[in-house]
Every structure is written in C-alpha cells, then in structure tokens.
Amino acid sequence: MDFNFTDDQEALRDAVRKWVDRSYTFERRNAIVKAGGFDRAVYGELAELGLAGLYVAEEHGGMGMGPVEAMVVMEELGRGIVMEPLKHTLVASGTIGAYAPEDVKAQWLPKIASGEALVVLAHQERAARYNLHKCETQASQAGDAWTVTGSKSIVPAGDHADAFIVPAVANGKLALFVVERQAQGVATRGYGTQDGSRAAEVTLNKAPAQLLTLDGITALEHAVDVGIAATCAEGVGALDKTMGLTADYMNTRKQFGVALSTFQALRHRMADMKMQLELARSMSYYASLKLNATPSERRRALSRAKYQLGVSMRFIGQNSVQLHGGIGVTDEYAGSHYFKALTQLEMAFGDTLHHLGEVSERMQDTAGVFA
C-alpha cells in the first residue's frame, strides 16, 4: 500500500503549518486562553484558508475533500494545539452533507464553509458515559414543527457556536436535529476546559428544532467516528511536537556537565516514546482510511485507533513531563500545555477504557492469536 501523500495534500499541509507557525504562536494562544478559550477571529482565519469547507461539497462552496486531507490538516493544528474547534466543524459538515435533506444542506453548508456559521455536535449527556444509545433529550412534533427538550454537556465552544447538532428521542427512536443557539428556549453556560479551550452546558426547553434525519443512531455513530479520526490526527500532531520539545530539552539541559541526551537510560526512554508515536501515527492513518468502510468495520477500526492513541498520548505525555522534571508542569513552558491537551484528547469521543471495551465487544470469532 502506498502511504505517500499527493502533491496537493503536501501543499495543504504546508499551508496549514505555515499558518500555525506564523499566526498561532504560543503567546497568542496564551492570550486566547486568558480571554476565555475561543477566538472567533482565529476561527475566521481557518475558514479563510478553506479549512471549514474541507468536507463541504463544491456545489455548496466547499473544497469537497476527504478523510486524508482532514487528517493532514488536523495533524498540523495538533502541532500548534489550536483550540478553535475545527474538528467539530468537520463533524457537523460531514453529518449534514451525508444525512440532511437538500433544504437543510442548502441552508447550512454554505455558511459553514465560509465560516459564517459555527455548528458543533452537542451529544454528550451526564448519564450516558459515552454510550450513544443513551439519550434522555426528547423531541416533540406539532405538524411540521419540532421542539427539543433536554440538556447536553461539554459542548465545544457551546456559548459561541451558532447552532448545534442535537440527538433527541422522537417517537421512541433517536433522531438528529439542528438547533440554533439564539433560538427561544436555548440557554448556555460556558466555562474553560483543562487544555484552555472552551465548552458549555446547553439546556433546551422546548427549543425550536430543524429535523436533520430520523435515522439518528446511524448518523450519530458516523459523526462520532469522524470526530475520533480527527482527534487521532490532532493527537499525532501534538505527540510529534511533544517529542520535539523533549528532544530539544534533553540536548540543551546539562547534568554533571553533559547533556541529558548522553545518558543511555534516557535515550532508551526516548526510543520507547518514539515507538509509541509511530504506533499512534499508523493507527491514525488506519482510522482515516476506514472512515468510508461499512459501518460495522468502521466502528471496529475507529475504536481500535482511539484505544492506541489513548495509550500513546498517556505514555508520551507522562514520560515527557518526567524527562523535563519540574519545568515540564510550569504554565510558562509550552510542554505543560501539550501535556494538558493530550490528557484532554485522550478523553474526547470516548476514553481509552471505553474503547478497549468497544474493541472487546466487537471481536469476531476469528479474533485471537490462533485465528
């Protein structure tokens, strides 16, 4: 199999990397964190690069690209631990593009592609524990109009988003709806998260809603898998940068008059971290390449990938802090922010233990050493 990227994909990577290096400096990121964890101007810059329209068809003003291009972009944003929720834009645009009726596509996709509208998935509930089938939010229909009542937790940039994709139970079956943040009956409570980004609790009280699809569980599982693939790629970028910061520190920090990188035991530790990075990278490729597979195959693949990314993020993050010593957890040093970002990514769209359980449940008769 050819794992080389095309010239267009490399050009896309180069454009995003240059933007991160030039425009999303550590100082600018710190200022955004202090201001609340979300900057609409930064999101607008990402949209100007065309990134908000990666999954939007050209007929709706997007770039019409696929999972590999999204992976390339998210890796580079991960290297800069960019907080603005582009991966949730990919989730929303991919879900609307694949499952929504034509009038909903025409209404939302052009605005998403241009950056005019930020639409995010609001699916987590307090009692669900990552189980997509558990949903207490209810939808009611009166004629052609729908309303939604319930609560959603940890909605990315929830108090800044223009609309939410909301799973709710309609006539005993899960469905997906689009709910505008400014609609009557919608209330948000924003807060900062561990990595400095922003999330919100969203409360819906008979909020007017637009039906996206009645086949909610199929669409929601696909949406979450898109999010997992993007999270894996973002994690690889953050891991790569963490490794670079750690190597630079070991080459410059001296102990007993020599650089830390000369100590064999520490070099072995770095070799183990590098192995975990490459395992994560290969599984991120696997996740993105499986996004268009059949649902059962796709779900198995994405859980496998997220489990390995969780293991790698925990291993590399913790070892990086240990190799740095005290400076590794100080707020002034970039490495501590990568550690916090990796810790949060490990829990996004299902933590490591959850996906280990998913992998176990989806094992087939042919699984095992002697298969």
Protein backbone atom coordinates (compact mmCIF):
# COMPACT_ATOMS: atom_id res chain seq x y z
CA MET A 1 0.00 0.00 0.00
CA ASP A 2 1.23 3.49 -0.91
CA PHE A 3 1.31 5.76 2.13
CA ASN A 4 2.85 8.70 0.27
CA PHE A 5 0.82 11.90 0.20
CA THR A 6 -0.08 13.61 -3.07
CA ASP A 7 1.38 16.97 -4.05
CA ASP A 8 -1.93 18.65 -3.24
CA GLN A 9 -2.04 17.07 0.21
CA GLU A 10 1.53 18.15 0.93
CA ALA A 11 0.71 21.68 -0.25
CA LEU A 12 -2.27 21.70 2.11
CA ARG A 13 -0.07 20.52 4.98
CA ASP A 14 2.50 23.21 4.20
CA ALA A 15 -0.14 25.96 4.14
CA VAL A 16 -1.60 24.96 7.50
CA ARG A 17 1.84 24.53 9.10
CA LYS A 18 2.91 27.98 7.93
CA TRP A 19 -0.26 29.49 9.37
CA VAL A 20 0.30 27.76 12.72
CA ASP A 21 3.96 28.82 12.90
CA ARG A 22 3.26 32.40 11.84
CA SER A 23 -0.17 33.21 13.24
CA TYR A 24 -0.85 30.86 16.15
CA THR A 25 2.14 31.47 18.35
CA PHE A 26 2.39 30.28 21.95
CA GLU A 27 1.93 33.88 23.09
CA ARG A 28 -1.25 34.32 21.04
CA ARG A 29 -2.62 31.04 22.33
CA ASN A 30 -1.98 32.10 25.93
CA ALA A 31 -3.80 35.36 25.31
CA ILE A 32 -6.80 33.44 23.92
CA VAL A 33 -6.83 31.17 26.97
CA LYS A 34 -6.86 34.18 29.29
CA ALA A 35 -9.67 35.74 27.24
CA GLY A 36 -11.87 32.67 27.61
CA GLY A 37 -10.52 29.94 25.33
CA PHE A 38 -12.14 30.80 21.99
CA ASP A 39 -11.37 33.50 19.42
CA ARG A 40 -13.80 33.97 16.54
CA ALA A 41 -11.11 35.85 14.62
CA VAL A 42 -8.85 32.77 14.69
CA TYR A 43 -11.72 30.60 13.50
CA GLY A 44 -12.27 33.10 10.70
CA GLU A 45 -8.63 32.75 9.66
CA LEU A 46 -9.07 28.97 9.46
CA ALA A 47 -12.17 29.50 7.32
CA GLU A 48 -10.25 31.88 5.04
CA LEU A 49 -7.79 29.07 4.40
CA GLY A 50 -10.76 26.98 3.26
CA LEU A 51 -10.49 24.56 6.17
CA ALA A 52 -14.06 24.98 7.39
CA GLY A 53 -15.22 23.73 4.00
CA LEU A 54 -12.98 20.66 3.75
CA TYR A 55 -15.95 18.26 3.92
CA VAL A 56 -18.41 20.58 2.15
CA ALA A 57 -19.15 19.80 -1.50
CA GLU A 58 -18.03 22.33 -4.09
CA GLU A 59 -21.66 23.00 -5.06
CA HIS A 60 -22.15 24.42 -1.56
CA GLY A 61 -18.97 26.48 -1.57
CA GLY A 62 -16.61 23.97 -0.01
CA MET A 63 -13.44 22.15 -1.06
CA GLY A 64 -15.03 18.71 -1.41
CA MET A 65 -12.07 16.89 0.12
CA GLY A 66 -11.93 13.66 2.10
CA PRO A 67 -10.63 11.99 5.26
CA VAL A 68 -6.94 12.01 4.30
CA GLU A 69 -6.95 15.76 3.71
CA ALA A 70 -8.76 16.25 7.01
CA MET A 71 -6.13 14.10 8.73
CA VAL A 72 -3.33 16.20 7.25
CA VAL A 73 -4.97 19.42 8.45
CA MET A 74 -5.74 18.13 11.95
CA GLU A 75 -2.16 16.89 12.42
CA GLU A 76 -0.84 20.37 11.79
CA LEU A 77 -3.43 22.01 14.02
CA GLY A 78 -2.48 19.49 16.70
CA ARG A 79 1.16 20.54 16.43
CA GLY A 80 0.05 24.02 17.39
CA ILE A 81 -2.59 22.77 19.90
CA VAL A 82 -5.06 25.09 18.18
CA MET A 83 -8.14 25.41 20.40
CA GLU A 84 -10.72 26.60 17.89
CA PRO A 85 -12.98 23.57 17.19
CA LEU A 86 -12.31 22.85 13.53
CA LYS A 87 -12.71 19.10 14.05
CA HIS A 88 -16.27 19.75 15.23
CA THR A 89 -16.87 21.71 12.04
CA LEU A 90 -15.73 18.62 10.12
CA VAL A 91 -18.14 16.52 12.16
CA ALA A 92 -21.05 18.89 11.57
CA SER A 93 -20.46 19.48 7.87
CA GLY A 94 -19.86 15.78 7.22
CA THR A 95 -23.06 14.81 9.04
CA ILE A 96 -25.22 17.44 7.35
CA GLY A 97 -23.72 16.64 3.95
CA ALA A 98 -24.32 12.90 4.31
CA TYR A 99 -27.70 12.73 6.05
CA ALA A 100 -29.63 16.01 5.86
CA PRO A 101 -32.35 16.79 3.30
CA GLU A 102 -31.44 19.16 0.48
CA ASP A 103 -33.06 22.23 2.01
CA VAL A 104 -31.07 21.79 5.23
CA LYS A 105 -27.86 21.33 3.23
CA ALA A 106 -28.57 24.47 1.22
CA GLN A 107 -29.25 26.45 4.38
CA TRP A 108 -26.24 25.42 6.46
CA LEU A 109 -23.39 24.08 4.33
CA PRO A 110 -22.51 27.34 2.53
CA LYS A 111 -22.46 29.21 5.84
CA ILE A 112 -20.30 26.51 7.45
CA ALA A 113 -17.86 26.53 4.52
CA SER A 114 -17.45 30.31 4.63
CA GLY A 115 -17.01 30.40 8.40
CA GLU A 116 -20.16 32.46 8.83
CA ALA A 117 -21.73 29.72 10.95
CA LEU A 118 -20.03 27.56 13.57
CA VAL A 119 -22.05 24.38 14.04
CA VAL A 120 -20.96 21.80 16.64
CA LEU A 121 -22.18 18.40 17.80
CA ALA A 122 -23.95 18.52 21.18
CA HIS A 123 -24.42 14.85 22.01
CA GLN A 124 -22.94 14.17 25.46
CA GLU A 125 -25.24 13.75 28.44
CA ARG A 126 -24.25 13.31 32.08
CA ALA A 127 -25.57 9.76 32.46
CA ALA A 128 -24.51 8.43 29.05
CA ARG A 129 -20.84 7.57 29.76
CA TYR A 130 -20.02 7.66 26.03
CA ASN A 131 -22.93 5.32 25.19
CA LEU A 132 -24.52 6.83 22.08
CA HIS A 133 -27.73 4.86 22.58
CA LYS A 134 -28.44 6.53 25.93
CA CYS A 135 -30.30 9.79 25.36
CA GLU A 136 -32.76 11.49 27.70
CA THR A 137 -33.37 14.51 25.45
CA GLN A 138 -36.84 14.37 23.91
CA ALA A 139 -38.21 15.77 20.66
CA SER A 140 -41.86 16.62 20.08
CA GLN A 141 -43.65 17.26 16.80
CA ALA A 142 -46.61 19.53 16.14
CA GLY A 143 -47.48 19.45 12.46
CA ASP A 144 -44.24 20.06 10.57
CA ALA A 145 -42.58 21.81 13.52
CA TRP A 146 -40.28 20.16 16.05
CA THR A 147 -39.16 21.20 19.53
CA VAL A 148 -36.42 19.67 21.67
CA THR A 149 -36.16 19.47 25.47
CA GLY A 150 -33.11 18.24 27.38
CA SER A 151 -29.55 19.02 28.46
CA LYS A 152 -26.19 18.45 26.79
CA SER A 153 -22.78 18.62 28.44
CA ILE A 154 -19.26 19.65 27.42
CA VAL A 155 -20.39 21.14 24.12
CA PRO A 156 -17.28 22.58 22.41
CA ALA A 157 -17.43 26.40 22.24
CA GLY A 158 -21.09 25.93 23.11
CA ASP A 159 -21.67 29.54 24.19
CA HIS A 160 -20.14 30.84 20.94
CA ALA A 161 -21.48 28.37 18.37
CA ASP A 162 -24.24 29.47 16.03
CA ALA A 163 -26.06 26.13 16.06
CA PHE A 164 -25.90 22.61 17.48
CA ILE A 165 -26.50 19.16 16.05
CA VAL A 166 -28.59 17.59 18.79
CA PRO A 167 -29.58 13.91 19.19
CA ALA A 168 -33.04 13.51 20.71
CA VAL A 169 -35.60 10.73 21.02
CA ALA A 170 -38.52 11.21 18.61
CA ASN A 171 -41.38 8.73 18.76
CA GLY A 172 -39.19 6.23 20.60
CA LYS A 173 -36.31 6.41 18.13
CA LEU A 174 -33.14 8.52 18.13
CA ALA A 175 -33.13 11.36 15.60
CA LEU A 176 -30.81 14.29 14.89
CA PHE A 177 -31.86 17.93 14.86
CA VAL A 178 -30.27 21.31 14.19
CA VAL A 179 -30.96 23.83 16.95
CA GLU A 180 -29.83 27.45 16.71
CA ARG A 181 -28.16 28.88 19.80
CA GLN A 182 -30.19 32.08 19.65
CA ALA A 183 -33.50 30.19 19.43
CA GLN A 184 -36.09 30.60 22.14
CA GLY A 185 -35.67 28.05 24.95
CA VAL A 186 -31.89 27.63 24.50
CA ALA A 187 -29.59 28.51 27.41
CA THR A 188 -25.82 28.03 27.61
CA ARG A 189 -23.30 28.17 30.45
CA GLY A 190 -19.75 28.45 29.20
CA TYR A 191 -16.52 27.52 31.01
CA GLY A 192 -12.88 26.84 30.35
CA THR A 193 -11.62 23.27 29.98
CA GLN A 194 -8.40 21.63 31.12
CA ASP A 195 -6.43 22.46 27.98
CA GLY A 196 -7.55 26.11 27.97
CA SER A 197 -10.24 25.76 25.31
CA ARG A 198 -13.93 26.46 25.85
CA ALA A 199 -17.03 24.33 26.36
CA ALA A 200 -20.54 24.82 27.66
CA GLU A 201 -23.54 23.18 29.21
CA VAL A 202 -26.53 23.57 26.89
CA THR A 203 -30.10 23.45 28.18
CA LEU A 204 -33.01 23.10 25.75
CA ASN A 205 -36.55 23.87 26.87
CA LYS A 206 -38.98 23.27 24.01
CA ALA A 207 -36.43 24.84 21.69
CA PRO A 208 -37.45 25.06 18.01
CA ALA A 209 -35.52 22.45 16.03
CA GLN A 210 -34.93 21.54 12.42
CA LEU A 211 -35.04 17.83 11.60
CA LEU A 212 -31.75 16.59 10.19
CA THR A 213 -32.53 12.87 10.00
CA LEU A 214 -34.81 10.35 11.66
CA ASP A 215 -32.08 7.69 11.33
CA GLY A 216 -30.30 9.25 14.25
CA ILE A 217 -28.16 6.41 15.57
CA THR A 218 -26.62 5.69 12.16
CA ALA A 219 -25.82 9.35 11.61
CA LEU A 220 -24.59 9.89 15.17
CA GLU A 221 -22.25 6.90 15.07
CA HIS A 222 -20.82 8.17 11.79
CA ALA A 223 -20.44 11.68 13.21
CA VAL A 224 -18.59 10.40 16.28
CA ASP A 225 -16.31 8.28 14.09
CA VAL A 226 -15.42 11.37 12.05
CA GLY A 227 -14.63 13.08 15.35
CA ILE A 228 -12.49 10.15 16.51
CA ALA A 229 -10.45 10.17 13.29
CA ALA A 230 -9.90 13.93 13.59
CA THR A 231 -8.96 13.56 17.27
CA CYS A 232 -6.46 10.82 16.41
CA ALA A 233 -4.80 13.03 13.79
CA GLU A 234 -4.79 16.00 16.14
CA GLY A 235 -3.20 13.80 18.80
CA VAL A 236 -0.45 12.68 16.43
CA GLY A 237 0.42 16.30 15.72
CA ALA A 238 0.55 17.12 19.44
CA LEU A 239 2.62 13.99 20.15
CA ASP A 240 5.07 14.87 17.39
CA LYS A 241 5.58 18.35 18.82
CA THR A 242 5.87 16.97 22.36
CA MET A 243 8.63 14.65 21.19
CA GLY A 244 10.41 17.57 19.53
CA LEU A 245 10.23 19.73 22.65
CA THR A 246 11.53 16.86 24.80
CA ALA A 247 14.43 16.12 22.44
CA ASP A 248 15.44 19.79 22.34
CA TYR A 249 15.35 19.99 26.12
CA MET A 250 17.49 16.87 26.53
CA ASN A 251 20.03 18.18 24.05
CA THR A 252 20.42 21.51 25.87
CA ARG A 253 19.87 20.69 29.57
CA LYS A 254 23.06 19.53 31.27
CA GLN A 255 23.62 17.33 34.29
CA PHE A 256 27.12 16.64 35.68
CA GLY A 257 28.47 18.80 32.88
CA VAL A 258 26.98 16.79 29.99
CA ALA A 259 23.71 16.95 28.09
CA LEU A 260 20.86 14.74 29.31
CA SER A 261 20.72 13.14 25.87
CA THR A 262 24.05 11.42 26.53
CA PHE A 263 22.59 9.22 29.29
CA GLN A 264 21.75 5.80 27.90
CA ALA A 265 18.75 5.17 30.13
CA LEU A 266 17.12 8.43 29.00
CA ARG A 267 17.88 7.64 25.35
CA HIS A 268 16.08 4.32 25.81
CA ARG A 269 13.12 6.21 27.29
CA MET A 270 13.03 8.45 24.20
CA ALA A 271 13.19 5.38 21.96
CA ASP A 272 10.14 3.93 23.72
CA MET A 273 8.31 7.24 23.25
CA LYS A 274 9.21 7.28 19.56
CA MET A 275 7.81 3.78 19.16
CA GLN A 276 4.53 4.88 20.74
CA LEU A 277 4.43 7.90 18.41
CA GLU A 278 4.78 5.73 15.32
CA LEU A 279 2.14 3.30 16.60
CA ALA A 280 -0.18 6.27 17.06
CA ARG A 281 0.60 7.62 13.61
CA SER A 282 -0.06 4.31 11.88
CA MET A 283 -3.37 3.87 13.71
CA SER A 284 -4.38 7.43 12.83
CA TYR A 285 -3.80 6.57 9.16
CA TYR A 286 -5.83 3.40 9.67
CA ALA A 287 -8.70 5.37 11.22
CA SER A 288 -8.88 7.90 8.40
CA LEU A 289 -8.68 5.23 5.70
CA LYS A 290 -11.53 3.29 7.34
CA LEU A 291 -13.97 6.22 7.55
CA ASN A 292 -15.64 5.19 4.31
CA ALA A 293 -15.84 1.48 5.18
CA THR A 294 -19.07 -0.31 6.11
CA PRO A 295 -20.48 0.82 9.48
CA SER A 296 -19.52 -2.33 11.41
CA GLU A 297 -15.97 -2.35 10.01
CA ARG A 298 -15.63 1.40 10.50
CA ARG A 299 -16.76 1.28 14.13
CA ARG A 300 -14.30 -1.52 14.96
CA ALA A 301 -11.45 0.31 13.27
CA LEU A 302 -12.11 3.66 14.94
CA SER A 303 -12.28 2.12 18.42
CA ARG A 304 -9.00 0.31 17.81
CA ALA A 305 -7.38 3.53 16.70
CA LYS A 306 -8.71 5.60 19.60
CA TYR A 307 -7.53 2.96 22.08
CA GLN A 308 -3.99 3.04 20.70
CA LEU A 309 -3.97 6.84 20.58
CA GLY A 310 -5.06 6.93 24.20
CA VAL A 311 -2.23 4.62 25.24
CA SER A 312 0.32 6.62 23.24
CA MET A 313 -0.88 10.00 24.48
CA ARG A 314 -0.71 8.92 28.09
CA PHE A 315 2.71 7.28 27.71
CA ILE A 316 4.39 10.09 25.79
CA GLY A 317 2.78 12.88 27.82
CA GLN A 318 3.76 11.41 31.17
CA ASN A 319 7.29 10.49 30.09
CA SER A 320 7.83 13.94 28.60
CA VAL A 321 6.95 15.53 31.95
CA GLN A 322 9.27 13.13 33.79
CA LEU A 323 12.17 13.81 31.43
CA HIS A 324 11.72 17.56 31.81
CA GLY A 325 11.42 17.50 35.58
CA GLY A 326 9.70 20.41 37.32
CA ILE A 327 9.72 22.71 34.31
CA GLY A 328 7.51 20.21 32.49
CA VAL A 329 4.45 21.25 34.51
CA THR A 330 5.01 25.01 34.71
CA ASP A 331 2.47 27.23 32.97
CA GLU A 332 5.21 29.31 31.34
CA TYR A 333 6.60 26.33 29.41
CA ALA A 334 4.87 25.12 26.25
CA GLY A 335 5.39 21.46 27.13
CA SER A 336 2.92 21.61 30.01
CA HIS A 337 0.18 22.83 27.66
CA TYR A 338 0.83 19.94 25.29
CA PHE A 339 0.53 17.56 28.23
CA LYS A 340 -2.83 19.06 29.20
CA ALA A 341 -4.03 18.94 25.59
CA LEU A 342 -3.04 15.28 25.27
CA THR A 343 -4.81 14.45 28.53
CA GLN A 344 -8.00 16.05 27.26
CA LEU A 345 -7.75 14.44 23.80
CA GLU A 346 -7.45 11.04 25.48
CA MET A 347 -10.98 11.52 26.82
CA ALA A 348 -12.55 13.03 23.70
CA PHE A 349 -15.21 10.89 21.98
CA GLY A 350 -14.67 8.10 24.49
CA ASP A 351 -11.68 7.47 26.73
CA THR A 352 -9.20 4.61 26.45
CA LEU A 353 -11.04 2.20 28.74
CA HIS A 354 -14.30 2.82 26.90
CA HIS A 355 -12.76 1.98 23.55
CA LEU A 356 -10.97 -1.06 24.96
CA GLY A 357 -14.44 -2.30 25.90
CA GLU A 358 -15.73 -1.44 22.42
CA VAL A 359 -12.89 -3.38 20.80
CA SER A 360 -13.59 -6.35 23.06
CA GLU A 361 -17.32 -6.34 22.30
CA ARG A 362 -16.72 -6.19 18.56
CA MET A 363 -14.23 -9.05 18.43
CA GLN A 364 -15.33 -11.71 15.97
CA ASP A 365 -14.88 -15.46 16.02
CA THR A 366 -11.65 -15.08 14.04
CA ALA A 367 -10.05 -12.82 16.67
CA GLY A 368 -7.09 -14.22 18.59
CA VAL A 369 -3.55 -15.47 18.23
CA PHE A 370 -4.53 -18.80 16.66
CA ALA A 371 -7.08 -17.44 14.19
